[in-house]
């Protein structure tokens, strides 16, 4: 369910949006039905407040009057399940290595090397692994690479070795800064009780460093449909003003709601 969020907020096209919405609806409906015998009041609230108000074709006026979901053994794909188990295990290992190296998940990293007896993962599974760990590339070969350097942290088991490259290039640093900046903006939106569809103007005062590319920051923020970013301070009636630091760089932002 968590992974459908970005697909719904920033869909590549209408078809992807509808497919993601259908998957999310399927999950909410079936999980609510499954939970009904165990958490009757919570599942009933979800049924009344979410399913009956937003789902079409629902006849039962209570979750406790709906048929319990039946198992569909014939639709179970054992290959997907086993491959996803591999992805989950690798995700846990890589995230632990991130903690060990002191690298937040919001900070993108360039590569991780996975060596050992691995089942073949298709591109879709690799994309899930890259997204969950925020790694640019998962590599299964490591020719002529010295893993003893200070930029690597490692995890070793009997049949598996994982080496995480913690090198942060200027481009990776900038991508991490963008994520952290957006997190601060989202916190400001929450303070104002703004909904995702509420559009805002953001006025940004960037760090006083000659090598900081403020225009690149504006360009990245401009990709979001619910905000219009501007560079520089202007004296206006902001609904909120914020000051924060990201990796030692100081920012000021002023937000205005677009009516």
Protein backbone atom coordinates (compact mmCIF):
# COMPACT_ATOMS: atom_id res chain seq x y z
CA UNK A 1 0.00 0.00 0.00
CA UNK A 2 2.84 2.38 0.80
CA UNK A 3 4.41 1.89 -2.61
CA UNK A 4 1.23 3.01 -4.41
CA UNK A 5 1.48 6.49 -2.86
CA UNK A 6 3.99 7.96 -5.31
CA UNK A 7 2.24 6.26 -8.23
CA UNK A 8 -0.99 8.02 -7.29
CA UNK A 9 0.54 11.40 -6.44
CA UNK A 10 2.82 11.60 -9.48
CA UNK A 11 1.56 9.09 -12.08
CA UNK A 12 3.42 8.73 -15.36
CA UNK A 13 0.11 8.56 -17.25
CA UNK A 14 -3.61 7.99 -16.73
CA UNK A 15 -3.33 4.22 -17.27
CA UNK A 16 -0.75 3.87 -14.49
CA UNK A 17 -2.90 5.99 -12.18
CA UNK A 18 -5.99 3.84 -12.77
CA UNK A 19 -4.05 0.58 -12.36
CA UNK A 20 -2.50 1.79 -9.08
CA UNK A 21 -5.90 2.98 -7.82
CA UNK A 22 -7.41 -0.43 -8.58
CA UNK A 23 -4.63 -2.23 -6.70
CA UNK A 24 -5.05 0.09 -3.70
CA UNK A 25 -8.82 -0.38 -3.74
CA UNK A 26 -8.43 -4.17 -3.90
CA UNK A 27 -6.09 -4.11 -0.91
CA UNK A 28 -8.28 -1.83 1.23
CA UNK A 29 -11.42 -3.85 0.49
CA UNK A 30 -9.94 -7.30 1.14
CA UNK A 31 -7.81 -6.32 4.16
CA UNK A 32 -10.86 -4.71 5.77
CA UNK A 33 -12.86 -7.90 5.25
CA UNK A 34 -10.03 -10.06 6.59
CA UNK A 35 -9.68 -7.89 9.72
CA UNK A 36 -13.42 -7.81 10.51
CA UNK A 37 -13.51 -10.82 12.93
CA UNK A 38 -10.44 -9.59 14.82
CA UNK A 39 -10.95 -5.80 14.98
CA UNK A 40 -14.70 -5.45 14.38
CA UNK A 41 -15.11 -1.78 15.30
CA UNK A 42 -12.09 -0.47 13.38
CA UNK A 43 -12.94 -2.50 10.27
CA UNK A 44 -16.54 -1.29 10.43
CA UNK A 45 -15.37 2.34 10.62
CA UNK A 46 -13.17 1.83 7.54
CA UNK A 47 -16.13 0.21 5.78
CA UNK A 48 -18.51 3.05 6.61
CA UNK A 49 -16.12 5.99 6.13
CA UNK A 50 -14.02 4.79 3.22
CA UNK A 51 -15.48 1.86 1.31
CA UNK A 52 -19.19 2.76 1.22
CA UNK A 53 -18.42 6.39 0.41
CA UNK A 54 -15.78 5.80 -2.29
CA UNK A 55 -16.27 2.31 -3.76
CA UNK A 56 -18.88 1.49 -6.39
CA UNK A 57 -20.89 -1.73 -6.48
CA UNK A 58 -20.78 -2.40 -2.73
CA UNK A 59 -24.17 -3.71 -1.55
CA UNK A 60 -23.45 -4.82 2.03
CA UNK A 61 -24.13 -1.94 4.44
CA UNK A 62 -21.78 -3.46 7.02
CA UNK A 63 -18.46 -5.26 6.70
CA UNK A 64 -19.94 -7.96 8.93
CA UNK A 65 -22.59 -8.65 6.29
CA UNK A 66 -20.04 -9.04 3.49
CA UNK A 67 -18.78 -12.42 2.33
CA UNK A 68 -15.38 -13.35 3.76
CA UNK A 69 -12.62 -13.37 1.09
CA UNK A 70 -11.99 -16.81 -0.37
CA UNK A 71 -8.51 -18.18 -0.97
CA UNK A 72 -7.51 -18.27 -4.65
CA UNK A 73 -4.75 -20.86 -4.68
CA UNK A 74 -4.73 -21.09 -8.47
CA UNK A 75 -3.70 -17.41 -8.72
CA UNK A 76 -0.69 -17.73 -6.41
CA UNK A 77 2.57 -17.17 -8.29
CA UNK A 78 5.25 -18.99 -6.30
CA UNK A 79 8.08 -17.43 -8.34
CA UNK A 80 6.99 -13.89 -7.48
CA UNK A 81 6.63 -14.81 -3.80
CA UNK A 82 10.07 -16.43 -3.60
CA UNK A 83 11.72 -13.57 -5.49
CA UNK A 84 10.03 -11.02 -3.27
CA UNK A 85 11.37 -12.87 -0.23
CA UNK A 86 14.88 -12.45 -1.68
CA UNK A 87 14.20 -8.73 -2.22
CA UNK A 88 12.92 -8.31 1.35
CA UNK A 89 15.96 -10.05 2.81
CA UNK A 90 18.38 -7.99 0.71
CA UNK A 91 16.51 -4.80 1.62
CA UNK A 92 16.94 -5.56 5.33
CA UNK A 93 20.66 -6.23 4.85
CA UNK A 94 21.25 -3.03 2.85
CA UNK A 95 19.25 -0.87 5.26
CA UNK A 96 21.31 -2.25 8.17
CA UNK A 97 24.48 -1.35 6.26
CA UNK A 98 23.11 2.17 5.79
CA UNK A 99 22.60 2.48 9.54
CA UNK A 100 26.11 1.13 10.13
CA UNK A 101 27.54 3.74 7.74
CA UNK A 102 25.37 6.55 9.13
CA UNK A 103 23.66 7.20 5.77
CA UNK A 104 19.98 8.16 5.91
CA UNK A 105 17.65 6.41 3.47
CA UNK A 106 16.74 9.79 1.99
CA UNK A 107 20.36 10.15 0.83
CA UNK A 108 20.77 8.30 -2.50
CA UNK A 109 23.83 6.08 -2.89
CA UNK A 110 25.46 4.98 -6.11
CA UNK A 111 25.83 1.22 -5.91
CA UNK A 112 25.67 -1.92 -3.83
CA UNK A 113 27.44 -5.14 -4.79
CA UNK A 114 25.62 -8.41 -4.09
CA UNK A 115 27.87 -11.45 -4.47
CA UNK A 116 26.97 -15.08 -3.97
CA UNK A 117 24.39 -17.64 -5.01
CA UNK A 118 21.48 -15.43 -5.99
CA UNK A 119 18.29 -16.35 -7.80
CA UNK A 120 17.79 -14.29 -10.91
CA UNK A 121 15.72 -11.19 -10.19
CA UNK A 122 13.92 -9.56 -13.10
CA UNK A 123 14.01 -5.82 -13.74
CA UNK A 124 10.75 -5.20 -11.84
CA UNK A 125 12.13 -6.85 -8.71
CA UNK A 126 15.43 -4.98 -9.01
CA UNK A 127 13.49 -1.71 -9.33
CA UNK A 128 11.65 -2.49 -6.07
CA UNK A 129 14.98 -3.22 -4.35
CA UNK A 130 16.53 0.00 -5.67
CA UNK A 131 13.51 2.07 -4.59
CA UNK A 132 13.28 0.56 -1.11
CA UNK A 133 16.99 1.10 -0.40
CA UNK A 134 17.43 4.31 -2.46
CA UNK A 135 20.38 2.80 -4.35
CA UNK A 136 21.03 3.78 -7.95
CA UNK A 137 22.34 0.42 -9.10
CA UNK A 138 22.40 -3.16 -7.79
CA UNK A 139 25.48 -4.95 -9.13
CA UNK A 140 26.09 -8.68 -9.09
CA UNK A 141 29.66 -8.57 -10.39
CA UNK A 142 32.68 -6.85 -8.89
CA UNK A 143 35.71 -7.13 -11.14
CA UNK A 144 38.86 -5.36 -9.92
CA UNK A 145 37.21 -3.55 -7.01
CA UNK A 146 38.91 -3.23 -3.65
CA UNK A 147 36.21 -3.65 -1.02
CA UNK A 148 38.65 -2.99 1.80
CA UNK A 149 38.56 0.76 1.18
CA UNK A 150 37.03 3.20 3.64
CA UNK A 151 34.07 3.88 1.33
CA UNK A 152 32.64 0.38 1.73
CA UNK A 153 30.67 -1.30 4.52
CA UNK A 154 30.02 -5.00 4.24
CA UNK A 155 27.76 -7.85 5.30
CA UNK A 156 28.98 -11.43 4.97
CA UNK A 157 27.15 -14.74 5.32
CA UNK A 158 28.02 -18.24 4.20
CA UNK A 159 26.58 -17.86 0.68
CA UNK A 160 26.08 -14.11 0.48
CA UNK A 161 28.30 -11.04 0.57
CA UNK A 162 26.97 -7.51 0.28
CA UNK A 163 29.23 -4.46 -0.11
CA UNK A 164 27.66 -0.99 0.09
CA UNK A 165 29.50 1.86 -1.62
CA UNK A 166 28.99 4.91 0.62
CA UNK A 167 30.70 7.39 -1.71
CA UNK A 168 28.56 10.52 -2.10
CA UNK A 169 29.22 12.44 -5.30
CA UNK A 170 28.07 16.07 -5.71
CA UNK A 171 25.09 14.86 -7.75
CA UNK A 172 24.06 12.31 -5.09
CA UNK A 173 24.46 14.96 -2.39
CA UNK A 174 22.16 17.32 -4.32
CA UNK A 175 19.52 14.60 -4.77
CA UNK A 176 19.61 13.89 -1.03
CA UNK A 177 19.31 17.60 -0.30
CA UNK A 178 16.19 17.80 -2.50
CA UNK A 179 14.54 14.94 -0.58
CA UNK A 180 15.35 16.52 2.77
CA UNK A 181 14.11 19.90 1.57
CA UNK A 182 10.80 18.40 0.43
CA UNK A 183 10.43 16.66 3.80
CA UNK A 184 10.68 20.06 5.53
CA UNK A 185 8.07 21.51 3.17
CA UNK A 186 5.75 18.57 3.85
CA UNK A 187 6.08 19.16 7.59
CA UNK A 188 5.12 22.81 7.08
CA UNK A 189 2.09 21.73 5.06
CA UNK A 190 1.03 19.40 7.87
CA UNK A 191 1.28 22.23 10.39
CA UNK A 192 -1.11 24.21 8.19
CA UNK A 193 -3.45 21.22 7.70
CA UNK A 194 -3.12 21.55 3.93
CA UNK A 195 -4.47 18.79 1.71
CA UNK A 196 -2.36 17.30 -1.12
CA UNK A 197 -4.47 19.15 -3.70
CA UNK A 198 -3.92 22.52 -2.00
CA UNK A 199 -1.40 24.49 -4.07
CA UNK A 200 1.22 26.73 -2.50
CA UNK A 201 3.83 29.28 -3.50
CA UNK A 202 7.26 28.84 -1.89
CA UNK A 203 9.77 31.67 -1.61
CA UNK A 204 13.24 30.33 -0.85
CA UNK A 205 16.37 31.98 0.49
CA UNK A 206 19.26 29.62 -0.24
CA UNK A 207 22.65 29.29 1.51
CA UNK A 208 25.09 32.14 0.92
CA UNK A 209 27.60 29.97 -0.88
CA UNK A 210 28.85 30.83 -4.37
CA UNK A 211 28.84 27.19 -5.50
CA UNK A 212 25.25 26.48 -4.42
CA UNK A 213 22.96 26.16 -7.46
CA UNK A 214 19.68 27.69 -6.38
CA UNK A 215 18.23 27.54 -9.90
CA UNK A 216 18.68 23.76 -9.95
CA UNK A 217 16.75 23.53 -6.67
CA UNK A 218 13.90 25.59 -8.14
CA UNK A 219 13.84 23.41 -11.25
CA UNK A 220 13.50 20.20 -9.20
CA UNK A 221 10.76 21.63 -6.98
CA UNK A 222 8.91 22.88 -10.05
CA UNK A 223 8.17 19.28 -11.02
CA UNK A 224 5.58 19.05 -8.26
CA UNK A 225 2.13 20.08 -9.43
CA UNK A 226 1.03 21.40 -6.02
CA UNK A 227 3.78 23.99 -5.53
CA UNK A 228 5.28 26.98 -7.34
CA UNK A 229 8.81 27.75 -6.10
CA UNK A 230 10.54 31.13 -6.34
CA UNK A 231 14.11 32.05 -5.52
CA UNK A 232 14.79 34.88 -3.11
CA UNK A 233 13.14 36.67 -0.18
CA UNK A 234 10.14 38.93 -0.74
CA UNK A 235 8.34 40.79 2.03
CA UNK A 236 4.82 39.38 1.91
CA UNK A 237 2.09 38.03 4.16
CA UNK A 238 3.19 34.42 4.42
CA UNK A 239 0.98 31.84 6.11
CA UNK A 240 4.14 30.33 7.58
CA UNK A 241 7.89 30.98 7.58
CA UNK A 242 10.51 28.35 8.31
CA UNK A 243 14.26 28.21 8.84
CA UNK A 244 16.10 24.90 8.74
CA UNK A 245 19.49 23.36 8.01
CA UNK A 246 20.38 20.47 5.72
CA UNK A 247 23.89 19.11 6.07
CA UNK A 248 25.08 22.43 7.46
CA UNK A 249 23.38 24.51 4.75
CA UNK A 250 20.88 27.10 6.04
CA UNK A 251 17.55 27.72 4.27
CA UNK A 252 14.64 30.09 4.80
CA UNK A 253 11.23 29.49 3.20
CA UNK A 254 7.98 31.43 3.17
CA UNK A 255 4.76 29.74 2.10
CA UNK A 256 1.61 31.23 0.59
CA UNK A 257 -1.52 29.32 -0.33
CA UNK A 258 -2.71 29.76 -3.92
CA UNK A 259 -6.44 30.48 -3.94
